[in-house]
Amino acid sequence: MGKGFKIAIISLLVIIIVLLGVVIGVFIKDDQNQNNNVNNQQVTDTNDLDKQTTDEKTNDTTDNSYITTEKALNVALDHAELKQSEIHDLSIELDYKNDKHVYEIDFNYKNYDYEYYVDAKTGEIMYSFKELD
């Protein structure tokens, strides 16, 4: 092989490496833009939720068509066939899932963990889960 041929091969390899770097850089930048869009959407959803809730302690909302946290809890407890006096570690939060406001309800009974998503407008159970702790 001649010296000119080796230089041509090395030059070609340098060009390929530079092109790969540009392509990888474009993919990384596109991925970062997509992550920024997802993060911005999550912030928007949280802000929308904040606008609709006026007092997190009482869960009063500016939209009076939401059911109360007590009603949502009763829906979950009826489904689990439990009474409020039987459960512990109760947590109820107004959340936004699948384009709906839901009450996320978590509690424990004996050695079981329960989780419910109850539609904040209709009182319908959107999700329920029970597992052995």
C-alpha atoms as a PDB file:
ATOM      1  CA  MET A   1       0.000   0.000   0.000  1.00  0.00           C
ATOM      2  CA  GLY A   2       1.190   3.408  -0.877  1.00  0.00           C
ATOM      3  CA  LYS A   3       1.533   6.360   1.465  1.00  0.00           C
ATOM      4  CA  GLY A   4      -1.224   8.245  -0.401  1.00  0.00           C
ATOM      5  CA  PHE A   5      -3.657   5.345   0.042  1.00  0.00           C
ATOM      6  CA  LYS A   6      -3.043   5.256   3.837  1.00  0.00           C
ATOM      7  CA  ILE A   7      -3.648   8.999   4.082  1.00  0.00           C
ATOM      8  CA  ALA A   8      -6.890   8.632   2.114  1.00  0.00           C
ATOM      9  CA  ILE A   9      -8.104   5.837   4.452  1.00  0.00           C
ATOM     10  CA  ILE A  10      -7.221   7.875   7.559  1.00  0.00           C
ATOM     11  CA  SER A  11      -8.965  10.944   6.120  1.00  0.00           C
ATOM     12  CA  LEU A  12     -12.048   8.852   5.370  1.00  0.00           C
ATOM     13  CA  LEU A  13     -12.069   7.459   8.928  1.00  0.00           C
ATOM     14  CA  VAL A  14     -11.801  10.984  10.365  1.00  0.00           C
ATOM     15  CA  ILE A  15     -14.746  12.120   8.238  1.00  0.00           C
ATOM     16  CA  ILE A  16     -16.815   9.104   9.382  1.00  0.00           C
ATOM     17  CA  ILE A  17     -16.000   9.788  13.032  1.00  0.00           C
ATOM     18  CA  VAL A  18     -16.946  13.463  12.669  1.00  0.00           C
ATOM     19  CA  LEU A  19     -20.238  12.558  10.957  1.00  0.00           C
ATOM     20  CA  LEU A  20     -21.055  10.006  13.669  1.00  0.00           C
ATOM     21  CA  GLY A  21     -20.372  12.649  16.300  1.00  0.00           C
ATOM     22  CA  VAL A  22     -22.758  15.060  14.590  1.00  0.00           C
ATOM     23  CA  VAL A  23     -25.473  12.397  14.305  1.00  0.00           C
ATOM     24  CA  ILE A  24     -25.063  11.351  17.941  1.00  0.00           C
ATOM     25  CA  GLY A  25     -25.124  14.989  19.001  1.00  0.00           C
ATOM     26  CA  VAL A  26     -28.406  15.518  17.142  1.00  0.00           C
ATOM     27  CA  PHE A  27     -29.951  12.490  18.854  1.00  0.00           C
ATOM     28  CA  ILE A  28     -28.773  13.635  22.280  1.00  0.00           C
ATOM     29  CA  LYS A  29     -30.108  17.164  21.690  1.00  0.00           C
ATOM     30  CA  ASP A  30     -33.458  15.788  20.449  1.00  0.00           C
ATOM     31  CA  ASP A  31     -33.705  13.526  23.514  1.00  0.00           C
ATOM     32  CA  GLN A  32     -32.971  16.491  25.804  1.00  0.00           C
ATOM     33  CA  ASN A  33     -35.680  18.539  24.064  1.00  0.00           C
ATOM     34  CA  GLN A  34     -38.175  15.729  24.529  1.00  0.00           C
ATOM     35  CA  ASN A  35     -37.266  15.466  28.234  1.00  0.00           C
ATOM     36  CA  ASN A  36     -37.697  19.230  28.611  1.00  0.00           C
ATOM     37  CA  ASN A  37     -41.121  19.013  26.961  1.00  0.00           C
ATOM     38  CA  VAL A  38     -42.158  16.216  29.347  1.00  0.00           C
ATOM     39  CA  ASN A  39     -40.900  18.173  32.356  1.00  0.00           C
ATOM     40  CA  ASN A  40     -42.710  21.304  31.174  1.00  0.00           C
ATOM     41  CA  GLN A  41     -45.930  19.306  30.726  1.00  0.00           C
ATOM     42  CA  GLN A  42     -45.627  17.904  34.259  1.00  0.00           C
ATOM     43  CA  VAL A  43     -45.171  21.419  35.629  1.00  0.00           C
ATOM     44  CA  THR A  44     -48.194  22.589  33.660  1.00  0.00           C
ATOM     45  CA  ASP A  45     -50.318  19.735  34.989  1.00  0.00           C
ATOM     46  CA  THR A  46     -49.261  20.526  38.555  1.00  0.00           C
ATOM     47  CA  ASN A  47     -50.018  24.205  38.029  1.00  0.00           C
ATOM     48  CA  ASP A  48     -53.455  23.361  36.632  1.00  0.00           C
ATOM     49  CA  LEU A  49     -54.121  21.259  39.711  1.00  0.00           C
ATOM     50  CA  ASP A  50     -52.977  24.085  41.995  1.00  0.00           C
ATOM     51  CA  LYS A  51     -55.363  26.483  40.253  1.00  0.00           C
ATOM     52  CA  GLN A  52     -58.287  24.177  40.924  1.00  0.00           C
ATOM     53  CA  THR A  53     -57.537  23.541  44.602  1.00  0.00           C
ATOM     54  CA  THR A  54     -57.897  26.327  47.106  1.00  0.00           C
ATOM     55  CA  ASP A  55     -57.235  24.605  50.407  1.00  0.00           C
ATOM     56  CA  GLU A  56     -55.341  21.318  50.418  1.00  0.00           C
ATOM     57  CA  LYS A  57     -56.137  20.703  54.092  1.00  0.00           C
ATOM     58  CA  THR A  58     -59.872  20.573  53.477  1.00  0.00           C
ATOM     59  CA  ASN A  59     -59.651  19.731  49.766  1.00  0.00           C
ATOM     60  CA  ASP A  60     -62.188  22.444  48.982  1.00  0.00           C
ATOM     61  CA  THR A  61     -62.027  23.171  45.282  1.00  0.00           C
ATOM     62  CA  THR A  62     -63.057  26.020  43.068  1.00  0.00           C
ATOM     63  CA  ASP A  63     -64.960  23.450  41.012  1.00  0.00           C
ATOM     64  CA  ASN A  64     -67.860  22.387  43.260  1.00  0.00           C
ATOM     65  CA  SER A  65     -68.552  19.341  41.109  1.00  0.00           C
ATOM     66  CA  TYR A  66     -65.744  17.396  42.823  1.00  0.00           C
ATOM     67  CA  ILE A  67     -66.773  14.865  45.412  1.00  0.00           C
ATOM     68  CA  THR A  68     -65.357  15.294  48.902  1.00  0.00           C
ATOM     69  CA  THR A  69     -62.369  13.360  50.193  1.00  0.00           C
ATOM     70  CA  GLU A  70     -64.723  11.709  52.678  1.00  0.00           C
ATOM     71  CA  LYS A  71     -66.942  10.443  49.843  1.00  0.00           C
ATOM     72  CA  ALA A  72     -63.895   9.198  47.899  1.00  0.00           C
ATOM     73  CA  LEU A  73     -62.625   7.383  50.985  1.00  0.00           C
ATOM     74  CA  ASN A  74     -66.032   5.788  51.544  1.00  0.00           C
ATOM     75  CA  VAL A  75     -66.062   4.544  47.933  1.00  0.00           C
ATOM     76  CA  ALA A  76     -62.662   2.888  48.465  1.00  0.00           C
ATOM     77  CA  LEU A  77     -63.594   1.463  51.867  1.00  0.00           C
ATOM     78  CA  ASP A  78     -66.885   0.057  50.532  1.00  0.00           C
ATOM     79  CA  HIS A  79     -64.964  -1.631  47.714  1.00  0.00           C
ATOM     80  CA  ALA A  80     -62.446  -3.077  50.198  1.00  0.00           C
ATOM     81  CA  GLU A  81     -65.290  -4.066  52.546  1.00  0.00           C
ATOM     82  CA  LEU A  82     -63.607  -2.241  55.431  1.00  0.00           C
ATOM     83  CA  LYS A  83     -64.493   0.445  57.956  1.00  0.00           C
ATOM     84  CA  GLN A  84     -62.430   3.552  58.581  1.00  0.00           C
ATOM     85  CA  SER A  85     -61.815   2.446  62.176  1.00  0.00           C
ATOM     86  CA  GLU A  86     -60.091  -0.715  60.870  1.00  0.00           C
ATOM     87  CA  ILE A  87     -57.464   0.975  58.698  1.00  0.00           C
ATOM     88  CA  HIS A  88     -54.268   2.889  59.461  1.00  0.00           C
ATOM     89  CA  ASP A  89     -51.653   4.990  57.630  1.00  0.00           C
ATOM     90  CA  LEU A  90     -54.349   6.714  55.577  1.00  0.00           C
ATOM     91  CA  SER A  91     -53.255   9.121  52.849  1.00  0.00           C
ATOM     92  CA  ILE A  92     -55.565  10.972  50.451  1.00  0.00           C
ATOM     93  CA  GLU A  93     -54.265  13.306  47.755  1.00  0.00           C
ATOM     94  CA  LEU A  94     -55.941  15.059  44.859  1.00  0.00           C
ATOM     95  CA  ASP A  95     -53.891  14.102  41.801  1.00  0.00           C
ATOM     96  CA  TYR A  96     -54.069  14.295  37.995  1.00  0.00           C
ATOM     97  CA  LYS A  97     -53.860  10.979  36.129  1.00  0.00           C
ATOM     98  CA  ASN A  98     -54.885  10.079  32.575  1.00  0.00           C
ATOM     99  CA  ASP A  99     -56.448  13.495  31.923  1.00  0.00           C
ATOM    100  CA  LYS A 100     -58.627  13.302  35.036  1.00  0.00           C
ATOM    101  CA  HIS A 101     -58.499  14.590  38.568  1.00  0.00           C
ATOM    102  CA  VAL A 102     -58.514  11.654  40.940  1.00  0.00           C
ATOM    103  CA  TYR A 103     -58.208  11.129  44.639  1.00  0.00           C
ATOM    104  CA  GLU A 104     -55.237   8.861  45.279  1.00  0.00           C
ATOM    105  CA  ILE A 105     -56.088   6.936  48.428  1.00  0.00           C
ATOM    106  CA  ASP A 106     -53.581   4.745  50.252  1.00  0.00           C
ATOM    107  CA  PHE A 107     -54.129   2.858  53.492  1.00  0.00           C
ATOM    108  CA  ASN A 108     -53.134  -0.275  55.359  1.00  0.00           C
ATOM    109  CA  TYR A 109     -55.234  -2.988  56.950  1.00  0.00           C
ATOM    110  CA  LYS A 110     -53.487  -5.732  58.911  1.00  0.00           C
ATOM    111  CA  ASN A 111     -50.643  -6.857  56.617  1.00  0.00           C
ATOM    112  CA  TYR A 112     -52.152  -5.459  53.410  1.00  0.00           C
ATOM    113  CA  ASP A 113     -51.468  -2.252  51.502  1.00  0.00           C
ATOM    114  CA  TYR A 114     -54.377  -0.784  49.543  1.00  0.00           C
ATOM    115  CA  GLU A 115     -54.214   1.824  46.802  1.00  0.00           C
ATOM    116  CA  TYR A 116     -57.157   3.429  44.994  1.00  0.00           C
ATOM    117  CA  TYR A 117     -57.664   6.118  42.379  1.00  0.00           C
ATOM    118  CA  VAL A 118     -61.185   7.502  42.644  1.00  0.00           C
ATOM    119  CA  ASP A 119     -62.449   9.895  39.957  1.00  0.00           C
ATOM    120  CA  ALA A 120     -62.815  13.266  41.704  1.00  0.00           C
ATOM    121  CA  LYS A 121     -65.954  14.157  39.729  1.00  0.00           C
ATOM    122  CA  THR A 122     -67.871  10.886  39.407  1.00  0.00           C
ATOM    123  CA  GLY A 123     -66.675   8.878  42.408  1.00  0.00           C
ATOM    124  CA  GLU A 124     -65.895   5.951  40.094  1.00  0.00           C
ATOM    125  CA  ILE A 125     -62.968   3.710  41.038  1.00  0.00           C
ATOM    126  CA  MET A 126     -60.401   4.140  38.270  1.00  0.00           C
ATOM    127  CA  TYR A 127     -57.772   1.838  39.793  1.00  0.00           C
ATOM    128  CA  SER A 128     -57.491  -0.419  42.808  1.00  0.00           C
ATOM    129  CA  PHE A 129     -54.630  -2.494  44.112  1.00  0.00           C
ATOM    130  CA  LYS A 130     -54.150  -4.681  47.162  1.00  0.00           C
ATOM    131  CA  GLU A 131     -50.909  -6.376  48.113  1.00  0.00           C
ATOM    132  CA  LEU A 132     -49.500  -8.269  51.034  1.00  0.00           C
ATOM    133  CA  ASP A 133     -47.078  -6.003  52.866  1.00  0.00           C
END
